[in-house]
Amino acid sequence: MSLPSLGTTYHRTSYPAISPSQPALSQAGRTILITGGGGGIGFEIARSFAKASASRVIIVGRRAAFLNEAVSNLQQEFGAKGVTEFIARQGDIGDDASISSLWEYLHSQGIFVNVLVLNAAFFGPNGAETLLLDKDEIMQAFQVNVGGNFLMTTKFVHQTLRPSIPAADHQLYLINVSTAQIHTYPTSGSLNTYGTSKAAWMAMLGRIADQSKVDELQIISYHPGALYSEGASRYVPKDLLNWDDMSLPADYAVWAASSEASWLHGRFVWAHWDVDELRAAATDVTNEVGKQMKDEEGYLKIGVLGLPSVSLKSLMKE
């Protein structure tokens, strides 16, 4: 079965255009906050931002010992007194008080976050028959994947309202690690709650992007690929799939947190798609991708296909 692609090149590992060593992708002087950063893709994203010379990388998760071990490993790799400072902070994005405590701590330390990577997610409950699922468990998934991400986003954006923050620091980058489950419902199997809750957040994030200026708050969402992580190991055996290399989505996050990705503001893409190839297609109005990027406001966004968008203004009396 061929996988979806908007170009002829389909990457399974990192490649030069998204390499953190690219000068255009430098994160020097920036503070990066990654939810679910203690292991799996979150940990690899932390490594990629360190390779891009980020000044500070903060990893957040629920297990303090796990986070501390991750920071120790990062310090060993990049040097305890290297370019990047690594901070572990325990926090649960499914708990409002925990999120508020996290941001109050950051403010108390005078830390301004330039890049927020929303990586943490709740995967259950899942089942082939949706109506047999437990309602309270379903809402827990939405509490994390929608509510938690929403509150993290508001706290992130509202940093700029604090008078102590210099205007020069106001450019924000929000990277949303999403999933192909938001648009592959016929083949989603039992991951229906995960897919629908992630799709709901993608829809809300799209509205936020529409209301934001890209040079103030740049928002990119992407499918990271099929990755064999601690979470995946609970559901599938390692020999089941041809897994993607973690370097692909990790380096992609760095690329997405740069002006190189500004033309994708508010849209959803796959890390597998070649960024140079996609950009060339998107700017060519004779190309189907370019035509849709120009003419369809909802292209690569969550919405209803087949109907044009209708604004409230168009319905108002003259």
C-alpha atoms as a PDB file:
ATOM      1  CA  MET A   1       0.000   0.000   0.000  1.00  0.00           C
ATOM      2  CA  SER A   2       1.402   3.414  -0.956  1.00  0.00           C
ATOM      3  CA  LEU A   3       1.351   6.057   1.767  1.00  0.00           C
ATOM      4  CA  PRO A   4       0.016   9.609   1.218  1.00  0.00           C
ATOM      5  CA  SER A   5       2.528  12.075  -0.180  1.00  0.00           C
ATOM      6  CA  LEU A   6       2.350  15.480  -1.848  1.00  0.00           C
ATOM      7  CA  GLY A   7       5.544  14.830  -3.779  1.00  0.00           C
ATOM      8  CA  THR A   8       7.659  12.120  -5.307  1.00  0.00           C
ATOM      9  CA  THR A   9      10.119  11.887  -2.397  1.00  0.00           C
ATOM     10  CA  TYR A  10       9.095  10.070   0.785  1.00  0.00           C
ATOM     11  CA  HIS A  11      11.620  10.271   3.624  1.00  0.00           C
ATOM     12  CA  ARG A  12      12.005   7.691   6.389  1.00  0.00           C
ATOM     13  CA  THR A  13      14.937   9.365   8.137  1.00  0.00           C
ATOM     14  CA  SER A  14      16.352  12.887   8.419  1.00  0.00           C
ATOM     15  CA  TYR A  15      17.887  14.662   5.407  1.00  0.00           C
ATOM     16  CA  PRO A  16      19.988  17.806   4.775  1.00  0.00           C
ATOM     17  CA  ALA A  17      17.148  20.328   4.302  1.00  0.00           C
ATOM     18  CA  ILE A  18      15.876  19.780   7.854  1.00  0.00           C
ATOM     19  CA  SER A  19      19.233  19.142   9.513  1.00  0.00           C
ATOM     20  CA  PRO A  20      19.707  21.101  12.772  1.00  0.00           C
ATOM     21  CA  SER A  21      23.193  22.003  11.542  1.00  0.00           C
ATOM     22  CA  GLN A  22      21.694  24.227   8.831  1.00  0.00           C
ATOM     23  CA  PRO A  23      22.472  27.887   9.752  1.00  0.00           C
ATOM     24  CA  ALA A  24      18.942  28.938   8.727  1.00  0.00           C
ATOM     25  CA  LEU A  25      17.512  26.589  11.360  1.00  0.00           C
ATOM     26  CA  SER A  26      19.675  27.786  14.249  1.00  0.00           C
ATOM     27  CA  GLN A  27      17.837  27.997  17.582  1.00  0.00           C
ATOM     28  CA  ALA A  28      20.580  30.013  19.267  1.00  0.00           C
ATOM     29  CA  GLY A  29      19.257  32.271  22.008  1.00  0.00           C
ATOM     30  CA  ARG A  30      15.935  30.430  22.271  1.00  0.00           C
ATOM     31  CA  THR A  31      14.267  28.473  25.047  1.00  0.00           C
ATOM     32  CA  ILE A  32      12.403  25.349  23.971  1.00  0.00           C
ATOM     33  CA  LEU A  33       9.705  23.595  26.039  1.00  0.00           C
ATOM     34  CA  ILE A  34       8.727  20.039  25.071  1.00  0.00           C
ATOM     35  CA  THR A  35       5.806  18.203  26.661  1.00  0.00           C
ATOM     36  CA  GLY A  36       6.284  14.456  26.940  1.00  0.00           C
ATOM     37  CA  GLY A  37       9.995  15.137  26.584  1.00  0.00           C
ATOM     38  CA  GLY A  38      11.451  12.398  28.757  1.00  0.00           C
ATOM     39  CA  GLY A  39      11.492   9.626  26.172  1.00  0.00           C
ATOM     40  CA  GLY A  40      10.621   8.568  22.644  1.00  0.00           C
ATOM     41  CA  ILE A  41      10.092  11.311  20.107  1.00  0.00           C
ATOM     42  CA  GLY A  42      10.047  14.028  22.784  1.00  0.00           C
ATOM     43  CA  PHE A  43      13.558  13.113  23.902  1.00  0.00           C
ATOM     44  CA  GLU A  44      14.773  12.973  20.295  1.00  0.00           C
ATOM     45  CA  ILE A  45      13.260  16.408  19.634  1.00  0.00           C
ATOM     46  CA  ALA A  46      15.209  17.717  22.642  1.00  0.00           C
ATOM     47  CA  ARG A  47      18.396  16.289  21.100  1.00  0.00           C
ATOM     48  CA  SER A  48      17.671  17.950  17.764  1.00  0.00           C
ATOM     49  CA  PHE A  49      17.116  21.371  19.324  1.00  0.00           C
ATOM     50  CA  ALA A  50      20.390  20.986  21.225  1.00  0.00           C
ATOM     51  CA  LYS A  51      22.114  20.207  17.918  1.00  0.00           C
ATOM     52  CA  ALA A  52      20.598  23.467  16.625  1.00  0.00           C
ATOM     53  CA  SER A  53      22.298  25.347  19.508  1.00  0.00           C
ATOM     54  CA  ALA A  54      19.178  26.170  21.547  1.00  0.00           C
ATOM     55  CA  SER A  55      20.108  28.077  24.703  1.00  0.00           C
ATOM     56  CA  ARG A  56      17.733  26.113  26.916  1.00  0.00           C
ATOM     57  CA  VAL A  57      15.637  22.963  26.500  1.00  0.00           C
ATOM     58  CA  ILE A  58      12.958  22.205  29.098  1.00  0.00           C
ATOM     59  CA  ILE A  59      11.458  18.724  29.076  1.00  0.00           C
ATOM     60  CA  VAL A  60       8.136  18.175  30.846  1.00  0.00           C
ATOM     61  CA  GLY A  61       6.501  14.905  31.848  1.00  0.00           C
ATOM     62  CA  ARG A  62       4.727  13.131  34.686  1.00  0.00           C
ATOM     63  CA  ARG A  63       7.626  10.928  35.898  1.00  0.00           C
ATOM     64  CA  ALA A  64      10.311  12.927  37.702  1.00  0.00           C
ATOM     65  CA  ALA A  65      12.904  10.130  37.818  1.00  0.00           C
ATOM     66  CA  PHE A  66      12.429   9.432  34.102  1.00  0.00           C
ATOM     67  CA  LEU A  67      12.915  13.131  33.274  1.00  0.00           C
ATOM     68  CA  ASN A  68      15.999  13.435  35.463  1.00  0.00           C
ATOM     69  CA  GLU A  69      17.556  10.439  33.744  1.00  0.00           C
ATOM     70  CA  ALA A  70      16.777  12.007  30.354  1.00  0.00           C
ATOM     71  CA  VAL A  71      18.452  15.281  31.366  1.00  0.00           C
ATOM     72  CA  SER A  72      21.483  13.355  32.626  1.00  0.00           C
ATOM     73  CA  ASN A  73      21.745  11.581  29.272  1.00  0.00           C
ATOM     74  CA  LEU A  74      21.429  14.860  27.377  1.00  0.00           C
ATOM     75  CA  GLN A  75      24.117  16.486  29.504  1.00  0.00           C
ATOM     76  CA  GLN A  76      26.430  13.546  28.917  1.00  0.00           C
ATOM     77  CA  GLU A  77      25.924  13.805  25.153  1.00  0.00           C
ATOM     78  CA  PHE A  78      26.153  17.570  24.793  1.00  0.00           C
ATOM     79  CA  GLY A  79      28.212  18.453  27.853  1.00  0.00           C
ATOM     80  CA  ALA A  80      26.928  19.619  31.225  1.00  0.00           C
ATOM     81  CA  LYS A  81      28.426  23.050  30.527  1.00  0.00           C
ATOM     82  CA  GLY A  82      27.722  23.073  26.811  1.00  0.00           C
ATOM     83  CA  VAL A  83      25.776  25.556  24.697  1.00  0.00           C
ATOM     84  CA  THR A  84      22.406  24.167  25.802  1.00  0.00           C
ATOM     85  CA  GLU A  85      21.051  24.132  29.343  1.00  0.00           C
ATOM     86  CA  PHE A  86      18.717  21.206  30.037  1.00  0.00           C
ATOM     87  CA  ILE A  87      15.933  21.426  32.601  1.00  0.00           C
ATOM     88  CA  ALA A  88      13.531  18.687  33.730  1.00  0.00           C
ATOM     89  CA  ARG A  89      10.189  19.793  35.131  1.00  0.00           C
ATOM     90  CA  GLN A  90       7.497  17.444  36.325  1.00  0.00           C
ATOM     91  CA  GLY A  91       4.045  18.309  35.007  1.00  0.00           C
ATOM     92  CA  ASP A  92       0.828  16.710  33.800  1.00  0.00           C
ATOM     93  CA  ILE A  93      -0.915  18.450  30.888  1.00  0.00           C
ATOM     94  CA  GLY A  94      -4.104  16.629  31.831  1.00  0.00           C
ATOM     95  CA  ASP A  95      -4.217  18.628  35.081  1.00  0.00           C
ATOM     96  CA  ASP A  96      -4.962  22.362  34.988  1.00  0.00           C
ATOM     97  CA  ALA A  97      -3.286  23.059  38.349  1.00  0.00           C
ATOM     98  CA  SER A  98      -0.127  21.284  37.201  1.00  0.00           C
ATOM     99  CA  ILE A  99       0.005  23.378  34.019  1.00  0.00           C
ATOM    100  CA  SER A 100      -0.477  26.617  35.963  1.00  0.00           C
ATOM    101  CA  SER A 101       2.240  25.595  38.418  1.00  0.00           C
ATOM    102  CA  LEU A 102       4.637  24.883  35.558  1.00  0.00           C
ATOM    103  CA  TRP A 103       4.204  28.312  33.986  1.00  0.00           C
ATOM    104  CA  GLU A 104       4.319  30.130  37.328  1.00  0.00           C
ATOM    105  CA  TYR A 105       7.652  28.430  37.973  1.00  0.00           C
ATOM    106  CA  LEU A 106       8.962  29.569  34.581  1.00  0.00           C
ATOM    107  CA  HIS A 107       7.832  33.140  35.222  1.00  0.00           C
ATOM    108  CA  SER A 108       9.405  33.107  38.706  1.00  0.00           C
ATOM    109  CA  GLN A 109      12.726  32.115  37.122  1.00  0.00           C
ATOM    110  CA  GLY A 110      12.474  34.796  34.451  1.00  0.00           C
ATOM    111  CA  ILE A 111      12.273  32.142  31.722  1.00  0.00           C
ATOM    112  CA  PHE A 112      10.577  33.095  28.457  1.00  0.00           C
ATOM    113  CA  VAL A 113       9.693  30.183  26.172  1.00  0.00           C
ATOM    114  CA  ASN A 114      10.207  30.870  22.467  1.00  0.00           C
ATOM    115  CA  VAL A 115       9.228  27.466  21.117  1.00  0.00           C
ATOM    116  CA  LEU A 116       6.501  25.207  22.520  1.00  0.00           C
ATOM    117  CA  VAL A 117       6.427  21.617  21.269  1.00  0.00           C
ATOM    118  CA  LEU A 118       3.111  19.917  22.095  1.00  0.00           C
ATOM    119  CA  ASN A 119       4.142  16.275  22.089  1.00  0.00           C
ATOM    120  CA  ALA A 120       2.454  14.654  25.112  1.00  0.00           C
ATOM    121  CA  ALA A 121      -0.728  12.735  24.322  1.00  0.00           C
ATOM    122  CA  PHE A 122      -3.313  10.372  25.808  1.00  0.00           C
ATOM    123  CA  PHE A 123      -3.865   7.262  23.679  1.00  0.00           C
ATOM    124  CA  GLY A 124      -6.840   5.492  25.315  1.00  0.00           C
ATOM    125  CA  PRO A 125      -9.479   4.311  25.566  1.00  0.00           C
ATOM    126  CA  ASN A 126      -9.662   2.480  22.283  1.00  0.00           C
ATOM    127  CA  GLY A 127     -11.920  -0.139  20.813  1.00  0.00           C
ATOM    128  CA  ALA A 128     -13.371  -1.248  17.519  1.00  0.00           C
ATOM    129  CA  GLU A 129     -16.899  -0.436  18.728  1.00  0.00           C
ATOM    130  CA  THR A 130     -17.069   3.215  19.718  1.00  0.00           C
ATOM    131  CA  LEU A 131     -20.397   2.912  21.534  1.00  0.00           C
ATOM    132  CA  LEU A 132     -18.928   0.283  23.860  1.00  0.00           C
ATOM    133  CA  LEU A 133     -16.323   2.715  25.200  1.00  0.00           C
ATOM    134  CA  ASP A 134     -16.569   4.335  28.628  1.00  0.00           C
ATOM    135  CA  LYS A 135     -17.646   7.969  28.481  1.00  0.00           C
ATOM    136  CA  ASP A 136     -15.423   9.117  31.374  1.00  0.00           C
ATOM    137  CA  GLU A 137     -12.359   7.535  29.761  1.00  0.00           C
ATOM    138  CA  ILE A 138     -13.232   9.174  26.442  1.00  0.00           C
ATOM    139  CA  MET A 139     -13.399  12.563  28.130  1.00  0.00           C
ATOM    140  CA  GLN A 140     -10.006  11.948  29.738  1.00  0.00           C
ATOM    141  CA  ALA A 141      -8.524  11.703  26.252  1.00  0.00           C
ATOM    142  CA  PHE A 142     -10.140  15.014  25.308  1.00  0.00           C
ATOM    143  CA  GLN A 143      -8.999  16.582  28.589  1.00  0.00           C
ATOM    144  CA  VAL A 144      -5.379  15.874  27.656  1.00  0.00           C
ATOM    145  CA  ASN A 145      -5.352  16.058  23.855  1.00  0.00           C
ATOM    146  CA  VAL A 146      -7.616  19.102  23.612  1.00  0.00           C
ATOM    147  CA  GLY A 147      -7.974  20.770  27.012  1.00  0.00           C
ATOM    148  CA  GLY A 148      -4.396  20.315  28.162  1.00  0.00           C
ATOM    149  CA  ASN A 149      -2.936  21.442  24.859  1.00  0.00           C
ATOM    150  CA  PHE A 150      -5.285  24.433  24.820  1.00  0.00           C
ATOM    151  CA  LEU A 151      -4.237  25.586  28.294  1.00  0.00           C
ATOM    152  CA  MET A 152      -0.552  25.080  27.472  1.00  0.00           C
ATOM    153  CA  THR A 153      -1.069  27.195  24.355  1.00  0.00           C
ATOM    154  CA  THR A 154      -2.818  30.034  26.187  1.00  0.00           C
ATOM    155  CA  LYS A 155      -0.105  30.133  28.867  1.00  0.00           C
ATOM    156  CA  PHE A 156       2.528  30.150  26.120  1.00  0.00           C
ATOM    157  CA  VAL A 157       0.946  33.004  24.188  1.00  0.00           C
ATOM    158  CA  HIS A 158       0.063  35.061  27.260  1.00  0.00           C
ATOM    159  CA  GLN A 159       3.765  35.299  28.176  1.00  0.00           C
ATOM    160  CA  THR A 160       3.951  38.274  25.843  1.00  0.00           C
ATOM    161  CA  LEU A 161       1.434  40.181  27.978  1.00  0.00           C
ATOM    162  CA  ARG A 162       3.909  40.417  30.845  1.00  0.00           C
ATOM    163  CA  PRO A 163       5.530  43.880  30.862  1.00  0.00           C
ATOM    164  CA  SER A 164       8.953  42.435  31.797  1.00  0.00           C
ATOM    165  CA  ILE A 165       9.261  40.668  28.422  1.00  0.00           C
ATOM    166  CA  PRO A 166      11.157  42.728  25.768  1.00  0.00           C
ATOM    167  CA  ALA A 167       9.271  43.227  22.515  1.00  0.00           C
ATOM    168  CA  ALA A 168      12.120  41.639  20.581  1.00  0.00           C
ATOM    169  CA  ASP A 169      11.328  38.296  22.213  1.00  0.00           C
ATOM    170  CA  HIS A 170       7.680  38.188  21.120  1.00  0.00           C
ATOM    171  CA  GLN A 171       8.083  35.868  18.111  1.00  0.00           C
ATOM    172  CA  LEU A 172       6.623  32.507  19.164  1.00  0.00           C
ATOM    173  CA  TYR A 173       6.701  29.107  17.480  1.00  0.00           C
ATOM    174  CA  LEU A 174       4.165  26.421  18.337  1.00  0.00           C
ATOM    175  CA  ILE A 175       4.911  22.920  17.030  1.00  0.00           C
ATOM    176  CA  ASN A 176       2.045  20.450  17.302  1.00  0.00           C
ATOM    177  CA  VAL A 177       3.091  16.788  17.038  1.00  0.00           C
ATOM    178  CA  SER A 178      -0.113  15.367  15.606  1.00  0.00           C
ATOM    179  CA  THR A 179      -0.940  12.053  13.947  1.00  0.00           C
ATOM    180  CA  ALA A 180      -2.113  10.563  10.654  1.00  0.00           C
ATOM    181  CA  GLN A 181      -5.065   9.235  12.673  1.00  0.00           C
ATOM    182  CA  ILE A 182      -6.793  12.603  12.239  1.00  0.00           C
ATOM    183  CA  HIS A 183      -7.495  11.831   8.584  1.00  0.00           C
ATOM    184  CA  THR A 184      -7.176   8.073   8.119  1.00  0.00           C
ATOM    185  CA  TYR A 185     -10.383   7.005   9.821  1.00  0.00           C
ATOM    186  CA  PRO A 186     -11.142   4.030   7.502  1.00  0.00           C
ATOM    187  CA  THR A 187      -7.861   2.396   8.534  1.00  0.00           C
ATOM    188  CA  SER A 188      -7.623   3.686  12.101  1.00  0.00           C
ATOM    189  CA  GLY A 189      -8.630   0.362  13.623  1.00  0.00           C
ATOM    190  CA  SER A 190      -9.311   0.704  17.324  1.00  0.00           C
ATOM    191  CA  LEU A 191      -7.579   4.088  17.808  1.00  0.00           C
ATOM    192  CA  ASN A 192     -10.827   6.013  17.390  1.00  0.00           C
ATOM    193  CA  THR A 193     -10.721   8.105  20.591  1.00  0.00           C
ATOM    194  CA  TYR A 194      -7.106   9.087  20.047  1.00  0.00           C
ATOM    195  CA  GLY A 195      -7.775  10.084  16.435  1.00  0.00           C
ATOM    196  CA  THR A 196     -10.939  12.060  17.142  1.00  0.00           C
ATOM    197  CA  SER A 197      -9.477  13.942  20.113  1.00  0.00           C
ATOM    198  CA  LYS A 198      -6.345  14.812  18.153  1.00  0.00           C
ATOM    199  CA  ALA A 199      -8.517  15.925  15.223  1.00  0.00           C
ATOM    200  CA  ALA A 200     -10.564  18.125  17.553  1.00  0.00           C
ATOM    201  CA  TRP A 201      -7.402  19.831  18.781  1.00  0.00           C
ATOM    202  CA  MET A 202      -6.149  20.248  15.227  1.00  0.00           C
ATOM    203  CA  ALA A 203      -9.444  21.940  14.317  1.00  0.00           C
ATOM    204  CA  MET A 204      -9.170  24.344  17.254  1.00  0.00           C
ATOM    205  CA  LEU A 205      -5.507  25.034  16.562  1.00  0.00           C
ATOM    206  CA  GLY A 206      -6.434  25.871  12.982  1.00  0.00           C
ATOM    207  CA  ARG A 207      -8.804  28.583  14.250  1.00  0.00           C
ATOM    208  CA  ILE A 208      -6.072  29.934  16.524  1.00  0.00           C
ATOM    209  CA  ALA A 209      -3.679  30.070  13.566  1.00  0.00           C
ATOM    210  CA  ASP A 210      -6.266  31.902  11.448  1.00  0.00           C
ATOM    211  CA  GLN A 211      -6.494  34.536  14.188  1.00  0.00           C
ATOM    212  CA  SER A 212      -2.727  34.882  14.597  1.00  0.00           C
ATOM    213  CA  LYS A 213      -0.079  36.703  12.599  1.00  0.00           C
ATOM    214  CA  VAL A 214       2.620  34.296  11.502  1.00  0.00           C
ATOM    215  CA  ASP A 215       5.393  36.723  12.467  1.00  0.00           C
ATOM    216  CA  GLU A 216       4.025  36.742  16.026  1.00  0.00           C
ATOM    217  CA  LEU A 217       2.814  33.149  16.501  1.00  0.00           C
ATOM    218  CA  GLN A 218       3.799  30.555  13.906  1.00  0.00           C
ATOM    219  CA  ILE A 219       1.874  27.269  14.164  1.00  0.00           C
ATOM    220  CA  ILE A 220       2.830  24.070  12.349  1.00  0.00           C
ATOM    221  CA  SER A 221       1.244  20.626  12.875  1.00  0.00           C
ATOM    222  CA  TYR A 222       2.697  17.410  11.540  1.00  0.00           C
ATOM    223  CA  HIS A 223       2.403  13.649  11.529  1.00  0.00           C
ATOM    224  CA  PRO A 224       5.715  12.334  12.925  1.00  0.00           C
ATOM    225  CA  GLY A 225       5.571   8.891  11.316  1.00  0.00           C
ATOM    226  CA  ALA A 226       5.428   5.309  12.550  1.00  0.00           C
ATOM    227  CA  LEU A 227       7.799   5.342  15.510  1.00  0.00           C
ATOM    228  CA  TYR A 228       8.638   2.509  17.841  1.00  0.00           C
ATOM    229  CA  SER A 229       8.535   4.191  21.240  1.00  0.00           C
ATOM    230  CA  GLU A 230       7.677   3.121  24.772  1.00  0.00           C
ATOM    231  CA  GLY A 231       4.052   3.986  24.072  1.00  0.00           C
ATOM    232  CA  ALA A 232       3.927   2.044  20.809  1.00  0.00           C
ATOM    233  CA  SER A 233       5.463  -1.007  22.462  1.00  0.00           C
ATOM    234  CA  ARG A 234       2.351  -1.359  24.637  1.00  0.00           C
ATOM    235  CA  TYR A 235       0.148  -1.903  21.600  1.00  0.00           C
ATOM    236  CA  VAL A 236       2.191  -3.502  18.807  1.00  0.00           C
ATOM    237  CA  PRO A 237       5.219  -5.820  18.507  1.00  0.00           C
ATOM    238  CA  LYS A 238       8.397  -4.295  17.106  1.00  0.00           C
ATOM    239  CA  ASP A 239       8.512  -6.627  14.107  1.00  0.00           C
ATOM    240  CA  LEU A 240       5.018  -5.654  12.947  1.00  0.00           C
ATOM    241  CA  LEU A 241       5.937  -2.515  10.977  1.00  0.00           C
ATOM    242  CA  ASN A 242       8.760  -0.942   9.030  1.00  0.00           C
ATOM    243  CA  TRP A 243       9.334   1.820  11.576  1.00  0.00           C
ATOM    244  CA  ASP A 244      10.548   5.313  10.678  1.00  0.00           C
ATOM    245  CA  ASP A 245      13.763   6.668  12.156  1.00  0.00           C
ATOM    246  CA  MET A 246      13.256   9.021  15.119  1.00  0.00           C
ATOM    247  CA  SER A 247      15.636  11.539  13.540  1.00  0.00           C
ATOM    248  CA  LEU A 248      13.022  12.424  10.909  1.00  0.00           C
ATOM    249  CA  PRO A 249      10.302  13.929  13.137  1.00  0.00           C
ATOM    250  CA  ALA A 250      12.882  15.227  15.622  1.00  0.00           C
ATOM    251  CA  ASP A 251      14.746  17.294  13.042  1.00  0.00           C
ATOM    252  CA  TYR A 252      11.452  18.244  11.397  1.00  0.00           C
ATOM    253  CA  ALA A 253      10.408  19.978  14.635  1.00  0.00           C
ATOM    254  CA  VAL A 254      13.495  22.207  14.410  1.00  0.00           C
ATOM    255  CA  TRP A 255      12.726  23.060  10.782  1.00  0.00           C
ATOM    256  CA  ALA A 256       9.111  23.851  11.726  1.00  0.00           C
ATOM    257  CA  ALA A 257      10.367  26.271  14.392  1.00  0.00           C
ATOM    258  CA  SER A 258      12.017  28.495  11.796  1.00  0.00           C
ATOM    259  CA  SER A 259      10.985  31.073   9.222  1.00  0.00           C
ATOM    260  CA  GLU A 260      11.716  28.390   6.601  1.00  0.00           C
ATOM    261  CA  ALA A 261       8.329  26.849   7.495  1.00  0.00           C
ATOM    262  CA  SER A 262       6.253  30.046   7.765  1.00  0.00           C
ATOM    263  CA  TRP A 263       4.367  29.310   4.532  1.00  0.00           C
ATOM    264  CA  LEU A 264       2.771  26.279   6.229  1.00  0.00           C
ATOM    265  CA  HIS A 265       1.345  28.325   9.108  1.00  0.00           C
ATOM    266  CA  GLY A 266      -1.837  26.693  10.432  1.00  0.00           C
ATOM    267  CA  ARG A 267      -1.601  23.610   8.228  1.00  0.00           C
ATOM    268  CA  PHE A 268      -1.035  19.885   8.788  1.00  0.00           C
ATOM    269  CA  VAL A 269       1.672  17.955   6.938  1.00  0.00           C
ATOM    270  CA  TRP A 270       3.638  14.719   7.201  1.00  0.00           C
ATOM    271  CA  ALA A 271       7.286  14.741   8.282  1.00  0.00           C
ATOM    272  CA  HIS A 272       7.924  12.296   5.421  1.00  0.00           C
ATOM    273  CA  TRP A 273       7.217  14.888   2.717  1.00  0.00           C
ATOM    274  CA  ASP A 274      10.301  16.604   1.329  1.00  0.00           C
ATOM    275  CA  VAL A 275      10.143  20.259   2.415  1.00  0.00           C
ATOM    276  CA  ASP A 276      11.915  21.677  -0.639  1.00  0.00           C
ATOM    277  CA  GLU A 277       9.775  19.635  -2.993  1.00  0.00           C
ATOM    278  CA  LEU A 278       6.599  20.640  -1.177  1.00  0.00           C
ATOM    279  CA  ARG A 279       7.532  24.328  -1.104  1.00  0.00           C
ATOM    280  CA  ALA A 280       8.254  24.295  -4.850  1.00  0.00           C
ATOM    281  CA  ALA A 281       4.876  22.671  -5.524  1.00  0.00           C
ATOM    282  CA  ALA A 282       3.061  25.026  -3.148  1.00  0.00           C
ATOM    283  CA  THR A 283       4.382  28.137  -4.891  1.00  0.00           C
ATOM    284  CA  ASP A 284       3.633  26.868  -8.394  1.00  0.00           C
ATOM    285  CA  VAL A 285       0.015  27.772  -9.229  1.00  0.00           C
ATOM    286  CA  THR A 286       0.113  25.496 -12.277  1.00  0.00           C
ATOM    287  CA  ASN A 287       0.678  22.592  -9.874  1.00  0.00           C
ATOM    288  CA  GLU A 288      -2.364  21.034  -8.165  1.00  0.00           C
ATOM    289  CA  VAL A 289      -0.828  21.561  -4.720  1.00  0.00           C
ATOM    290  CA  GLY A 290       0.011  25.186  -5.499  1.00  0.00           C
ATOM    291  CA  LYS A 291      -3.463  25.827  -6.883  1.00  0.00           C
ATOM    292  CA  GLN A 292      -5.111  24.410  -3.776  1.00  0.00           C
ATOM    293  CA  MET A 293      -2.776  26.330  -1.458  1.00  0.00           C
ATOM    294  CA  LYS A 294      -3.749  29.536  -3.259  1.00  0.00           C
ATOM    295  CA  ASP A 295      -7.472  28.952  -3.745  1.00  0.00           C
ATOM    296  CA  GLU A 296      -8.551  26.794  -0.807  1.00  0.00           C
ATOM    297  CA  GLU A 297      -8.336  28.406   2.618  1.00  0.00           C
ATOM    298  CA  GLY A 298      -8.998  25.042   4.261  1.00  0.00           C
ATOM    299  CA  TYR A 299      -6.349  23.058   2.345  1.00  0.00           C
ATOM    300  CA  LEU A 300      -4.379  20.773   4.710  1.00  0.00           C
ATOM    301  CA  LYS A 301      -6.673  21.822   7.553  1.00  0.00           C
ATOM    302  CA  ILE A 302      -9.537  20.178   9.435  1.00  0.00           C
ATOM    303  CA  GLY A 303     -12.971  20.871   7.938  1.00  0.00           C
ATOM    304  CA  VAL A 304     -15.782  19.531   5.787  1.00  0.00           C
ATOM    305  CA  LEU A 305     -14.797  18.703   2.220  1.00  0.00           C
ATOM    306  CA  GLY A 306     -17.074  19.684  -0.646  1.00  0.00           C
ATOM    307  CA  LEU A 307     -18.424  22.925   0.808  1.00  0.00           C
ATOM    308  CA  PRO A 308     -16.906  26.387   0.405  1.00  0.00           C
ATOM    309  CA  SER A 309     -16.199  28.341   3.574  1.00  0.00           C
ATOM    310  CA  VAL A 310     -18.888  30.882   4.475  1.00  0.00           C
ATOM    311  CA  SER A 311     -18.144  33.935   6.596  1.00  0.00           C
ATOM    312  CA  LEU A 312     -20.694  35.568   8.874  1.00  0.00           C
ATOM    313  CA  LYS A 313     -20.133  38.835   7.007  1.00  0.00           C
ATOM    314  CA  SER A 314     -21.436  37.312   3.772  1.00  0.00           C
ATOM    315  CA  LEU A 315     -24.727  36.447   5.516  1.00  0.00           C
ATOM    316  CA  MET A 316     -25.355  39.895   6.937  1.00  0.00           C
ATOM    317  CA  LYS A 317     -27.810  42.317   5.409  1.00  0.00           C
ATOM    318  CA  GLU A 318     -26.435  45.222   3.428  1.00  0.00           C
END
